[in-house]
Amino acid sequence: MIVDKISNAHKYFSYSPRVQAALEYLQAHTEELIHMEPGRVDIIENNDVYALVLDRPCDPNYDAYWEGHREFLDIHYVADGEEWFGWSDVSNMTEIEYHEGVPGEYAKYTGEGVHFLLRKGEFCLTDVDDIHRPSVPRLNAPFLRKICVKVRL
């Protein structure tokens, strides 16, 4: 897992050409993403790299579950607000169900992990061994505008 500021994204361009395209997109559209309508944005055709623009109000009933992916890695970017985010290595988790299909391929897990705060302008890159729990509800949390970029492996 990688956690950093979007201003440092250039350090991770060598991860893969698709990751570079995703990070360059986030850097080039930082301000625009705050005001963009929620929904999907195709960055590279054929479902290889696409962004989901999401609004997450403070909702204590939101089901923030542990998830992982086999075909994609995620880049979670906080455009505005803050996100309480969970992480664990796959070796510490137990898969309980898998959902195939693109877009939307994911597995749900049970287990324990650590949680940390992602702030405006920060991103987290999760690879296949990184089980994550995005958008964990917190009391008095500010409104969250996030972008989850899906990058095909």
C-alpha atoms as a PDB file:
ATOM      1  CA  MET A   1       0.000   0.000   0.000  1.00  0.00           C
ATOM      2  CA  ILE A   2       1.107   3.532  -0.775  1.00  0.00           C
ATOM      3  CA  VAL A   3      -0.171   6.631   1.033  1.00  0.00           C
ATOM      4  CA  ASP A   4       1.010  10.060  -0.098  1.00  0.00           C
ATOM      5  CA  LYS A   5      -0.024  13.526  -1.251  1.00  0.00           C
ATOM      6  CA  ILE A   6      -1.199  13.863  -4.842  1.00  0.00           C
ATOM      7  CA  SER A   7       1.569  16.443  -5.368  1.00  0.00           C
ATOM      8  CA  ASN A   8       4.055  13.553  -4.958  1.00  0.00           C
ATOM      9  CA  ALA A   9       2.274  11.259  -7.437  1.00  0.00           C
ATOM     10  CA  HIS A  10       5.170  11.445  -9.915  1.00  0.00           C
ATOM     11  CA  LYS A  11       7.178   9.216  -7.542  1.00  0.00           C
ATOM     12  CA  TYR A  12       4.858   6.309  -8.399  1.00  0.00           C
ATOM     13  CA  PHE A  13       4.566   6.645 -12.177  1.00  0.00           C
ATOM     14  CA  SER A  14       6.932   3.680 -12.596  1.00  0.00           C
ATOM     15  CA  TYR A  15       4.430   1.369 -10.854  1.00  0.00           C
ATOM     16  CA  SER A  16       2.778   0.787 -14.241  1.00  0.00           C
ATOM     17  CA  PRO A  17       1.683   2.821 -17.293  1.00  0.00           C
ATOM     18  CA  ARG A  18      -1.946   2.533 -16.172  1.00  0.00           C
ATOM     19  CA  VAL A  19      -1.148   3.758 -12.662  1.00  0.00           C
ATOM     20  CA  GLN A  20       0.725   6.658 -14.239  1.00  0.00           C
ATOM     21  CA  ALA A  21      -2.334   7.528 -16.360  1.00  0.00           C
ATOM     22  CA  ALA A  22      -4.570   7.399 -13.294  1.00  0.00           C
ATOM     23  CA  LEU A  23      -2.287   9.559 -11.164  1.00  0.00           C
ATOM     24  CA  GLU A  24      -1.739  12.066 -13.966  1.00  0.00           C
ATOM     25  CA  TYR A  25      -5.499  12.348 -14.366  1.00  0.00           C
ATOM     26  CA  LEU A  26      -5.964  13.050 -10.649  1.00  0.00           C
ATOM     27  CA  GLN A  27      -3.184  15.649 -10.671  1.00  0.00           C
ATOM     28  CA  ALA A  28      -4.513  17.406 -13.777  1.00  0.00           C
ATOM     29  CA  HIS A  29      -8.108  17.570 -12.474  1.00  0.00           C
ATOM     30  CA  THR A  30      -7.600  18.231  -8.750  1.00  0.00           C
ATOM     31  CA  GLU A  31      -9.857  21.303  -8.566  1.00  0.00           C
ATOM     32  CA  GLU A  32     -12.354  20.082 -11.168  1.00  0.00           C
ATOM     33  CA  LEU A  33     -12.960  16.850  -9.212  1.00  0.00           C
ATOM     34  CA  ILE A  34     -14.298  18.814  -6.247  1.00  0.00           C
ATOM     35  CA  HIS A  35     -17.194  20.151  -8.343  1.00  0.00           C
ATOM     36  CA  MET A  36     -17.725  17.308 -10.827  1.00  0.00           C
ATOM     37  CA  GLU A  37     -21.043  15.452 -10.757  1.00  0.00           C
ATOM     38  CA  PRO A  38     -20.824  12.060  -9.012  1.00  0.00           C
ATOM     39  CA  GLY A  39     -20.484   9.139 -11.393  1.00  0.00           C
ATOM     40  CA  ARG A  40     -18.041   7.315 -13.608  1.00  0.00           C
ATOM     41  CA  VAL A  41     -15.270   8.864 -15.710  1.00  0.00           C
ATOM     42  CA  ASP A  42     -13.383   6.683 -18.222  1.00  0.00           C
ATOM     43  CA  ILE A  43      -9.678   7.527 -18.201  1.00  0.00           C
ATOM     44  CA  ILE A  44      -8.568   4.689 -20.508  1.00  0.00           C
ATOM     45  CA  GLU A  45     -11.097   2.791 -22.643  1.00  0.00           C
ATOM     46  CA  ASN A  46     -12.031  -0.886 -22.227  1.00  0.00           C
ATOM     47  CA  ASN A  47     -12.468  -0.584 -18.432  1.00  0.00           C
ATOM     48  CA  ASP A  48      -8.679  -0.521 -17.994  1.00  0.00           C
ATOM     49  CA  VAL A  49      -8.656   2.709 -15.943  1.00  0.00           C
ATOM     50  CA  TYR A  50     -11.765   4.520 -14.759  1.00  0.00           C
ATOM     51  CA  ALA A  51     -12.698   6.807 -11.897  1.00  0.00           C
ATOM     52  CA  LEU A  52     -15.740   6.754  -9.647  1.00  0.00           C
ATOM     53  CA  VAL A  53     -16.550  10.206  -8.280  1.00  0.00           C
ATOM     54  CA  LEU A  54     -18.290   9.601  -4.946  1.00  0.00           C
ATOM     55  CA  ASP A  55     -19.909  11.702  -2.247  1.00  0.00           C
ATOM     56  CA  ARG A  56     -19.968  10.143   1.201  1.00  0.00           C
ATOM     57  CA  PRO A  57     -21.914  12.139   3.784  1.00  0.00           C
ATOM     58  CA  CYS A  58     -21.396  11.279   7.443  1.00  0.00           C
ATOM     59  CA  ASP A  59     -23.723   8.277   7.718  1.00  0.00           C
ATOM     60  CA  PRO A  60     -23.271   5.984  10.731  1.00  0.00           C
ATOM     61  CA  ASN A  61     -25.276   3.283   8.898  1.00  0.00           C
ATOM     62  CA  TYR A  62     -22.970   3.128   5.858  1.00  0.00           C
ATOM     63  CA  ASP A  63     -21.688  -0.441   5.406  1.00  0.00           C
ATOM     64  CA  ALA A  64     -17.919   0.005   5.246  1.00  0.00           C
ATOM     65  CA  TYR A  65     -16.740  -3.557   4.738  1.00  0.00           C
ATOM     66  CA  TRP A  66     -13.278  -5.055   4.201  1.00  0.00           C
ATOM     67  CA  GLU A  67     -12.704  -5.567   0.486  1.00  0.00           C
ATOM     68  CA  GLY A  68     -10.030  -6.608  -1.960  1.00  0.00           C
ATOM     69  CA  HIS A  69      -9.640  -7.099  -5.688  1.00  0.00           C
ATOM     70  CA  ARG A  70      -8.065  -9.696  -7.971  1.00  0.00           C
ATOM     71  CA  GLU A  71      -8.239  -7.875 -11.315  1.00  0.00           C
ATOM     72  CA  PHE A  72      -7.817  -4.235 -10.284  1.00  0.00           C
ATOM     73  CA  LEU A  73      -5.896  -2.069  -7.906  1.00  0.00           C
ATOM     74  CA  ASP A  74      -7.530   0.992  -6.382  1.00  0.00           C
ATOM     75  CA  ILE A  75      -6.359   4.546  -5.970  1.00  0.00           C
ATOM     76  CA  HIS A  76      -8.486   6.303  -3.342  1.00  0.00           C
ATOM     77  CA  TYR A  77      -8.124  10.082  -3.580  1.00  0.00           C
ATOM     78  CA  VAL A  78      -9.701  12.576  -1.170  1.00  0.00           C
ATOM     79  CA  ALA A  79     -10.792  15.617  -3.190  1.00  0.00           C
ATOM     80  CA  ASP A  80     -12.514  17.280  -0.225  1.00  0.00           C
ATOM     81  CA  GLY A  81     -13.081  16.385   3.426  1.00  0.00           C
ATOM     82  CA  GLU A  82     -11.491  13.455   5.244  1.00  0.00           C
ATOM     83  CA  GLU A  83     -11.755   9.682   5.006  1.00  0.00           C
ATOM     84  CA  TRP A  84     -11.264   7.161   7.793  1.00  0.00           C
ATOM     85  CA  PHE A  85      -9.639   4.244   5.957  1.00  0.00           C
ATOM     86  CA  GLY A  86      -8.799   0.679   6.993  1.00  0.00           C
ATOM     87  CA  TRP A  87      -5.976  -1.545   5.774  1.00  0.00           C
ATOM     88  CA  SER A  88      -4.733  -5.094   6.359  1.00  0.00           C
ATOM     89  CA  ASP A  89      -2.502  -7.533   4.514  1.00  0.00           C
ATOM     90  CA  VAL A  90      -4.472 -10.320   2.835  1.00  0.00           C
ATOM     91  CA  SER A  91      -2.622 -12.888   5.001  1.00  0.00           C
ATOM     92  CA  ASN A  92      -4.469 -11.514   8.065  1.00  0.00           C
ATOM     93  CA  MET A  93      -7.931 -11.796   6.502  1.00  0.00           C
ATOM     94  CA  THR A  94     -10.467 -14.451   5.510  1.00  0.00           C
ATOM     95  CA  GLU A  95     -12.366 -14.117   2.243  1.00  0.00           C
ATOM     96  CA  ILE A  96     -16.099 -14.635   2.738  1.00  0.00           C
ATOM     97  CA  GLU A  97     -17.508 -13.920  -0.761  1.00  0.00           C
ATOM     98  CA  TYR A  98     -16.365 -12.936  -4.228  1.00  0.00           C
ATOM     99  CA  HIS A  99     -18.255 -10.915  -6.847  1.00  0.00           C
ATOM    100  CA  GLU A 100     -17.068 -11.218 -10.457  1.00  0.00           C
ATOM    101  CA  GLY A 101     -17.631  -8.784 -13.256  1.00  0.00           C
ATOM    102  CA  VAL A 102     -16.207  -5.597 -14.600  1.00  0.00           C
ATOM    103  CA  PRO A 103     -16.847  -3.015 -13.420  1.00  0.00           C
ATOM    104  CA  GLY A 104     -17.321  -3.944  -9.815  1.00  0.00           C
ATOM    105  CA  GLU A 105     -15.143  -7.008  -9.221  1.00  0.00           C
ATOM    106  CA  TYR A 106     -14.427  -7.402  -5.492  1.00  0.00           C
ATOM    107  CA  ALA A 107     -14.176  -9.817  -2.585  1.00  0.00           C
ATOM    108  CA  LYS A 108     -15.444  -9.233   0.945  1.00  0.00           C
ATOM    109  CA  TYR A 109     -13.277 -10.217   3.909  1.00  0.00           C
ATOM    110  CA  THR A 110     -13.400 -10.586   7.667  1.00  0.00           C
ATOM    111  CA  GLY A 111     -10.511  -9.919   9.995  1.00  0.00           C
ATOM    112  CA  GLU A 112      -8.701  -7.121  11.752  1.00  0.00           C
ATOM    113  CA  GLY A 113      -6.678  -4.236  10.427  1.00  0.00           C
ATOM    114  CA  VAL A 114      -5.456  -0.758  11.202  1.00  0.00           C
ATOM    115  CA  HIS A 115      -7.260   2.501  10.453  1.00  0.00           C
ATOM    116  CA  PHE A 116      -5.905   5.914   9.533  1.00  0.00           C
ATOM    117  CA  LEU A 117      -7.098   9.275   8.300  1.00  0.00           C
ATOM    118  CA  LEU A 118      -6.781  10.370   4.655  1.00  0.00           C
ATOM    119  CA  ARG A 119      -7.041  14.153   4.264  1.00  0.00           C
ATOM    120  CA  LYS A 120      -7.862  16.401   1.329  1.00  0.00           C
ATOM    121  CA  GLY A 121      -5.185  16.076  -1.354  1.00  0.00           C
ATOM    122  CA  GLU A 122      -3.964  12.639  -0.193  1.00  0.00           C
ATOM    123  CA  PHE A 123      -4.294   9.302  -1.948  1.00  0.00           C
ATOM    124  CA  CYS A 124      -3.933   5.660  -1.069  1.00  0.00           C
ATOM    125  CA  LEU A 125      -2.970   3.015  -3.647  1.00  0.00           C
ATOM    126  CA  THR A 126      -4.094  -0.503  -2.725  1.00  0.00           C
ATOM    127  CA  ASP A 127      -2.803  -3.517  -4.629  1.00  0.00           C
ATOM    128  CA  VAL A 128      -4.122  -7.111  -4.614  1.00  0.00           C
ATOM    129  CA  ASP A 129      -2.501  -7.963  -1.252  1.00  0.00           C
ATOM    130  CA  ASP A 130      -3.967  -4.846   0.377  1.00  0.00           C
ATOM    131  CA  ILE A 131      -7.355  -5.539   1.887  1.00  0.00           C
ATOM    132  CA  HIS A 132      -8.979  -2.197   2.574  1.00  0.00           C
ATOM    133  CA  ARG A 133     -12.019  -0.690   4.237  1.00  0.00           C
ATOM    134  CA  PRO A 134     -12.809   2.690   2.676  1.00  0.00           C
ATOM    135  CA  SER A 135     -15.186   5.340   3.972  1.00  0.00           C
ATOM    136  CA  VAL A 136     -15.483   4.013   7.525  1.00  0.00           C
ATOM    137  CA  PRO A 137     -18.176   6.043   9.351  1.00  0.00           C
ATOM    138  CA  ARG A 138     -17.005   8.401  12.115  1.00  0.00           C
ATOM    139  CA  LEU A 139     -18.982  10.636  14.427  1.00  0.00           C
ATOM    140  CA  ASN A 140     -18.807  14.312  13.477  1.00  0.00           C
ATOM    141  CA  ALA A 141     -16.899  13.472  10.288  1.00  0.00           C
ATOM    142  CA  PRO A 142     -17.005  16.113   7.572  1.00  0.00           C
ATOM    143  CA  PHE A 143     -18.599  15.474   4.215  1.00  0.00           C
ATOM    144  CA  LEU A 144     -16.323  13.426   1.964  1.00  0.00           C
ATOM    145  CA  ARG A 145     -15.796  13.860  -1.781  1.00  0.00           C
ATOM    146  CA  LYS A 146     -13.574  11.050  -2.948  1.00  0.00           C
ATOM    147  CA  ILE A 147     -12.460   9.575  -6.214  1.00  0.00           C
ATOM    148  CA  CYS A 148     -11.805   5.855  -6.444  1.00  0.00           C
ATOM    149  CA  VAL A 149      -9.788   5.060  -9.543  1.00  0.00           C
ATOM    150  CA  LYS A 150      -9.898   1.438 -10.696  1.00  0.00           C
ATOM    151  CA  VAL A 151      -6.746   0.305 -12.525  1.00  0.00           C
ATOM    152  CA  ARG A 152      -6.743  -3.057 -14.294  1.00  0.00           C
ATOM    153  CA  LEU A 153      -3.688  -5.165 -13.490  1.00  0.00           C
END
